Amino acid sequence: MAKSLKGYKAFRIGAIAGDGGMGTALTPLGTTVKGTTTVTTSEATTQDFNIEEQSAPFESVVTEDPQMSGTLESYDVDPDTAIKVFGGTVTSVGTGANKKKVFTPPAVYSPVEVSGEIESKNGTILAVPRMQLLPVWNLSFQDAELGKIVINWKALAPTKAATASYTISVPDPA
């Protein structure tokens, strides 16, 4: 029977496993802006070898494999969420009603690498053992908009041997 992927349920991230494979302690990131979660793979790059006798390539060789990447947006701009995707530190300053959590980005930009999975409403899971997060702030200070973190990511080759850069699993009840 054909399987479909329908809707968005969760984006979970966590530490990459010690052996370089898929992490097992993944937690939901936070609130996701409706309709912003997408995942695509690029087209493979090819080198065509042409000859004079025909217009179609004589041979075509793949020179770069397709690359998987994605994006989603989160309204959760809490420092505890920011540190998960940007790195850096969170400190607490002040007391009582003046107490605040302060996010400070790292002194040198270094993308965070995590294991991640995206789950659909019907239980399909895209699992990425090694995902590089490339977040950006989109902080709107307008009454009609909410500030957010835009999380761009790309799948990287896992450091564990014989491990795919992603898997897709679907419910298959007996």
C-alpha atoms as a PDB file:
ATOM      1  CA  MET A   1       0.000   0.000   0.000  1.00  0.00           C
ATOM      2  CA  ALA A   2       1.244   3.507  -0.800  1.00  0.00           C
ATOM      3  CA  LYS A   3       2.417   5.656   2.105  1.00  0.00           C
ATOM      4  CA  SER A   4       2.064   9.412   2.333  1.00  0.00           C
ATOM      5  CA  LEU A   5       3.585  12.120   4.444  1.00  0.00           C
ATOM      6  CA  LYS A   6       0.994  14.445   5.900  1.00  0.00           C
ATOM      7  CA  GLY A   7       1.502  17.554   7.969  1.00  0.00           C
ATOM      8  CA  TYR A   8       3.995  18.459  10.659  1.00  0.00           C
ATOM      9  CA  LYS A   9       4.110  17.164  14.231  1.00  0.00           C
ATOM     10  CA  ALA A  10       7.566  17.830  15.722  1.00  0.00           C
ATOM     11  CA  PHE A  11      11.200  18.801  15.174  1.00  0.00           C
ATOM     12  CA  ARG A  12      13.458  17.123  17.712  1.00  0.00           C
ATOM     13  CA  ILE A  13      17.202  17.562  18.203  1.00  0.00           C
ATOM     14  CA  GLY A  14      19.854  16.205  20.530  1.00  0.00           C
ATOM     15  CA  ALA A  15      23.457  15.184  20.835  1.00  0.00           C
ATOM     16  CA  ILE A  16      24.954  12.966  18.140  1.00  0.00           C
ATOM     17  CA  ALA A  17      25.637   9.453  19.506  1.00  0.00           C
ATOM     18  CA  GLY A  18      29.133   8.832  20.866  1.00  0.00           C
ATOM     19  CA  ASP A  19      29.870   6.448  17.975  1.00  0.00           C
ATOM     20  CA  GLY A  20      28.921   9.128  15.416  1.00  0.00           C
ATOM     21  CA  GLY A  21      25.505   7.660  14.637  1.00  0.00           C
ATOM     22  CA  MET A  22      21.956   8.800  15.337  1.00  0.00           C
ATOM     23  CA  GLY A  23      21.444  10.338  18.765  1.00  0.00           C
ATOM     24  CA  THR A  24      18.822   8.761  21.005  1.00  0.00           C
ATOM     25  CA  ALA A  25      17.979  11.544  23.480  1.00  0.00           C
ATOM     26  CA  LEU A  26      16.161  13.943  21.165  1.00  0.00           C
ATOM     27  CA  THR A  27      13.823  16.625  22.523  1.00  0.00           C
ATOM     28  CA  PRO A  28      11.365  18.955  20.777  1.00  0.00           C
ATOM     29  CA  LEU A  29      12.916  22.309  19.927  1.00  0.00           C
ATOM     30  CA  GLY A  30       9.966  24.604  20.596  1.00  0.00           C
ATOM     31  CA  THR A  31       7.045  26.289  18.912  1.00  0.00           C
ATOM     32  CA  THR A  32       7.174  26.050  15.126  1.00  0.00           C
ATOM     33  CA  VAL A  33       5.623  28.696  12.916  1.00  0.00           C
ATOM     34  CA  LYS A  34       2.769  27.062  10.990  1.00  0.00           C
ATOM     35  CA  GLY A  35       3.631  26.199   7.401  1.00  0.00           C
ATOM     36  CA  THR A  36       7.386  26.871   7.605  1.00  0.00           C
ATOM     37  CA  THR A  37       8.854  23.364   7.807  1.00  0.00           C
ATOM     38  CA  THR A  38      10.323  22.191   4.520  1.00  0.00           C
ATOM     39  CA  VAL A  39      12.923  19.627   3.477  1.00  0.00           C
ATOM     40  CA  THR A  40      14.411  19.281   0.004  1.00  0.00           C
ATOM     41  CA  THR A  41      17.243  17.546  -1.751  1.00  0.00           C
ATOM     42  CA  SER A  42      19.225  19.282  -4.432  1.00  0.00           C
ATOM     43  CA  GLU A  43      19.567  17.787  -7.857  1.00  0.00           C
ATOM     44  CA  ALA A  44      22.764  15.832  -8.485  1.00  0.00           C
ATOM     45  CA  THR A  45      25.448  17.776 -10.359  1.00  0.00           C
ATOM     46  CA  THR A  46      26.526  16.087 -13.569  1.00  0.00           C
ATOM     47  CA  GLN A  47      29.227  16.486 -16.194  1.00  0.00           C
ATOM     48  CA  ASP A  48      28.043  15.815 -19.738  1.00  0.00           C
ATOM     49  CA  PHE A  49      30.408  14.561 -22.412  1.00  0.00           C
ATOM     50  CA  ASN A  50      29.187  15.622 -25.835  1.00  0.00           C
ATOM     51  CA  ILE A  51      30.176  14.429 -29.289  1.00  0.00           C
ATOM     52  CA  GLU A  52      29.751  15.992 -32.721  1.00  0.00           C
ATOM     53  CA  GLU A  53      27.504  13.266 -34.103  1.00  0.00           C
ATOM     54  CA  GLN A  54      24.523  13.826 -31.777  1.00  0.00           C
ATOM     55  CA  SER A  55      22.952  16.514 -29.595  1.00  0.00           C
ATOM     56  CA  ALA A  56      22.320  14.253 -26.581  1.00  0.00           C
ATOM     57  CA  PRO A  57      25.323  13.640 -24.317  1.00  0.00           C
ATOM     58  CA  PHE A  58      27.493  10.665 -25.237  1.00  0.00           C
ATOM     59  CA  GLU A  59      27.913  10.058 -21.513  1.00  0.00           C
ATOM     60  CA  SER A  60      26.926  11.853 -18.307  1.00  0.00           C
ATOM     61  CA  VAL A  61      28.716  11.379 -14.987  1.00  0.00           C
ATOM     62  CA  VAL A  62      27.479  12.409 -11.526  1.00  0.00           C
ATOM     63  CA  THR A  63      30.110  14.730 -10.030  1.00  0.00           C
ATOM     64  CA  GLU A  64      28.232  15.719  -6.855  1.00  0.00           C
ATOM     65  CA  ASP A  65      25.547  13.750  -5.032  1.00  0.00           C
ATOM     66  CA  PRO A  66      22.227  15.376  -4.073  1.00  0.00           C
ATOM     67  CA  GLN A  67      22.310  17.234  -0.745  1.00  0.00           C
ATOM     68  CA  MET A  68      19.446  17.299   1.773  1.00  0.00           C
ATOM     69  CA  SER A  69      18.596  20.516   3.578  1.00  0.00           C
ATOM     70  CA  GLY A  70      15.638  22.135   5.253  1.00  0.00           C
ATOM     71  CA  THR A  71      14.255  25.071   7.132  1.00  0.00           C
ATOM     72  CA  LEU A  72      11.721  25.881   9.798  1.00  0.00           C
ATOM     73  CA  GLU A  73      10.898  28.893  11.912  1.00  0.00           C
ATOM     74  CA  SER A  74      10.267  29.075  15.636  1.00  0.00           C
ATOM     75  CA  TYR A  75       8.573  31.794  17.657  1.00  0.00           C
ATOM     76  CA  ASP A  76      10.442  30.490  20.709  1.00  0.00           C
ATOM     77  CA  VAL A  77      13.147  33.153  21.196  1.00  0.00           C
ATOM     78  CA  ASP A  78      13.848  32.125  24.801  1.00  0.00           C
ATOM     79  CA  PRO A  79      17.601  32.073  25.603  1.00  0.00           C
ATOM     80  CA  ASP A  80      17.315  28.359  26.484  1.00  0.00           C
ATOM     81  CA  THR A  81      16.150  27.664  22.929  1.00  0.00           C
ATOM     82  CA  ALA A  82      18.695  30.030  21.363  1.00  0.00           C
ATOM     83  CA  ILE A  83      21.615  28.229  23.001  1.00  0.00           C
ATOM     84  CA  LYS A  84      20.448  24.908  21.490  1.00  0.00           C
ATOM     85  CA  VAL A  85      20.715  26.216  17.926  1.00  0.00           C
ATOM     86  CA  PHE A  86      23.329  28.999  18.109  1.00  0.00           C
ATOM     87  CA  GLY A  87      25.623  27.727  20.880  1.00  0.00           C
ATOM     88  CA  GLY A  88      26.839  30.404  23.296  1.00  0.00           C
ATOM     89  CA  THR A  89      25.844  30.846  26.918  1.00  0.00           C
ATOM     90  CA  VAL A  90      22.828  31.705  29.039  1.00  0.00           C
ATOM     91  CA  THR A  91      23.224  33.563  32.309  1.00  0.00           C
ATOM     92  CA  SER A  92      20.806  34.849  34.885  1.00  0.00           C
ATOM     93  CA  VAL A  93      21.083  38.468  36.021  1.00  0.00           C
ATOM     94  CA  GLY A  94      19.160  40.547  38.529  1.00  0.00           C
ATOM     95  CA  THR A  95      16.749  39.465  41.233  1.00  0.00           C
ATOM     96  CA  GLY A  96      13.023  39.365  41.831  1.00  0.00           C
ATOM     97  CA  ALA A  97      10.944  41.223  39.240  1.00  0.00           C
ATOM     98  CA  ASN A  98      14.164  42.427  37.563  1.00  0.00           C
ATOM     99  CA  LYS A  99      15.592  38.934  37.045  1.00  0.00           C
ATOM    100  CA  LYS A 100      16.383  38.124  33.396  1.00  0.00           C
ATOM    101  CA  LYS A 101      17.918  35.319  31.371  1.00  0.00           C
ATOM    102  CA  VAL A 102      20.567  36.637  28.972  1.00  0.00           C
ATOM    103  CA  PHE A 103      21.691  34.820  25.832  1.00  0.00           C
ATOM    104  CA  THR A 104      25.227  35.621  24.673  1.00  0.00           C
ATOM    105  CA  PRO A 105      26.279  34.185  21.299  1.00  0.00           C
ATOM    106  CA  PRO A 106      29.647  32.476  20.929  1.00  0.00           C
ATOM    107  CA  ALA A 107      32.614  34.803  20.291  1.00  0.00           C
ATOM    108  CA  VAL A 108      33.356  32.931  17.051  1.00  0.00           C
ATOM    109  CA  TYR A 109      30.567  31.621  14.825  1.00  0.00           C
ATOM    110  CA  SER A 110      30.650  27.840  14.733  1.00  0.00           C
ATOM    111  CA  PRO A 111      27.555  25.993  13.474  1.00  0.00           C
ATOM    112  CA  VAL A 112      26.016  23.571  15.948  1.00  0.00           C
ATOM    113  CA  GLU A 113      25.860  19.908  14.892  1.00  0.00           C
ATOM    114  CA  VAL A 114      23.122  17.665  16.276  1.00  0.00           C
ATOM    115  CA  SER A 115      21.091  14.595  15.465  1.00  0.00           C
ATOM    116  CA  GLY A 116      17.615  15.615  14.364  1.00  0.00           C
ATOM    117  CA  GLU A 117      14.305  14.214  13.324  1.00  0.00           C
ATOM    118  CA  ILE A 118      11.171  15.651  11.837  1.00  0.00           C
ATOM    119  CA  GLU A 119       7.920  13.785  12.410  1.00  0.00           C
ATOM    120  CA  SER A 120       4.747  14.135  10.370  1.00  0.00           C
ATOM    121  CA  LYS A 121       1.220  13.970  11.771  1.00  0.00           C
ATOM    122  CA  ASN A 122       0.801  10.463  10.373  1.00  0.00           C
ATOM    123  CA  GLY A 123       3.993   9.118  11.984  1.00  0.00           C
ATOM    124  CA  THR A 124       6.516   9.372   9.161  1.00  0.00           C
ATOM    125  CA  ILE A 125       9.938  10.270  10.581  1.00  0.00           C
ATOM    126  CA  LEU A 126      12.877  11.781   8.743  1.00  0.00           C
ATOM    127  CA  ALA A 127      15.953  11.016  10.879  1.00  0.00           C
ATOM    128  CA  VAL A 128      19.259  12.817  10.264  1.00  0.00           C
ATOM    129  CA  PRO A 129      22.163  11.454  12.353  1.00  0.00           C
ATOM    130  CA  ARG A 130      24.366  14.520  11.748  1.00  0.00           C
ATOM    131  CA  MET A 131      22.609  17.797  11.038  1.00  0.00           C
ATOM    132  CA  GLN A 132      24.354  21.172  10.830  1.00  0.00           C
ATOM    133  CA  LEU A 133      22.174  24.007  12.149  1.00  0.00           C
ATOM    134  CA  LEU A 134      22.542  27.391  10.452  1.00  0.00           C
ATOM    135  CA  PRO A 135      20.090  29.608  12.373  1.00  0.00           C
ATOM    136  CA  VAL A 136      19.397  33.304  11.914  1.00  0.00           C
ATOM    137  CA  TRP A 137      17.446  35.778  14.026  1.00  0.00           C
ATOM    138  CA  ASN A 138      14.425  37.453  12.465  1.00  0.00           C
ATOM    139  CA  LEU A 139      13.426  39.793  15.281  1.00  0.00           C
ATOM    140  CA  SER A 140      10.506  41.975  14.342  1.00  0.00           C
ATOM    141  CA  PHE A 141       9.707  44.759  16.773  1.00  0.00           C
ATOM    142  CA  GLN A 142       6.340  45.459  15.132  1.00  0.00           C
ATOM    143  CA  ASP A 143       2.973  44.946  16.834  1.00  0.00           C
ATOM    144  CA  ALA A 144       1.673  42.794  13.977  1.00  0.00           C
ATOM    145  CA  GLU A 145       4.656  40.420  13.896  1.00  0.00           C
ATOM    146  CA  LEU A 146       6.419  38.078  16.303  1.00  0.00           C
ATOM    147  CA  GLY A 147      10.175  37.705  16.504  1.00  0.00           C
ATOM    148  CA  LYS A 148      11.502  34.303  15.519  1.00  0.00           C
ATOM    149  CA  ILE A 149      14.504  32.123  14.889  1.00  0.00           C
ATOM    150  CA  VAL A 150      14.796  30.825  11.335  1.00  0.00           C
ATOM    151  CA  ILE A 151      16.586  27.485  11.435  1.00  0.00           C
ATOM    152  CA  ASN A 152      18.234  26.441   8.200  1.00  0.00           C
ATOM    153  CA  TRP A 153      19.930  23.057   8.341  1.00  0.00           C
ATOM    154  CA  LYS A 154      21.733  20.589   6.152  1.00  0.00           C
ATOM    155  CA  ALA A 155      22.444  16.897   6.449  1.00  0.00           C
ATOM    156  CA  LEU A 156      26.128  16.026   6.810  1.00  0.00           C
ATOM    157  CA  ALA A 157      27.795  12.644   6.368  1.00  0.00           C
ATOM    158  CA  PRO A 158      27.736  10.800   9.708  1.00  0.00           C
ATOM    159  CA  THR A 159      31.110   9.953  11.224  1.00  0.00           C
ATOM    160  CA  LYS A 160      29.897   6.409  12.000  1.00  0.00           C
ATOM    161  CA  ALA A 161      30.900   3.981   9.241  1.00  0.00           C
ATOM    162  CA  ALA A 162      28.166   2.454   7.085  1.00  0.00           C
ATOM    163  CA  THR A 163      25.564   4.987   8.285  1.00  0.00           C
ATOM    164  CA  ALA A 164      23.313   6.833   5.848  1.00  0.00           C
ATOM    165  CA  SER A 165      23.026  10.622   6.042  1.00  0.00           C
ATOM    166  CA  TYR A 166      19.270  10.228   6.555  1.00  0.00           C
ATOM    167  CA  THR A 167      16.521   7.643   6.859  1.00  0.00           C
ATOM    168  CA  ILE A 168      12.768   7.858   6.379  1.00  0.00           C
ATOM    169  CA  SER A 169      10.538   5.545   8.384  1.00  0.00           C
ATOM    170  CA  VAL A 170       6.788   5.088   8.087  1.00  0.00           C
ATOM    171  CA  PRO A 171       4.333   3.251  10.350  1.00  0.00           C
ATOM    172  CA  ASP A 172       3.852  -0.325   9.140  1.00  0.00           C
ATOM    173  CA  PRO A 173       1.485  -2.051  11.585  1.00  0.00           C
ATOM    174  CA  ALA A 174       1.144  -5.813  11.117  1.00  0.00           C
END
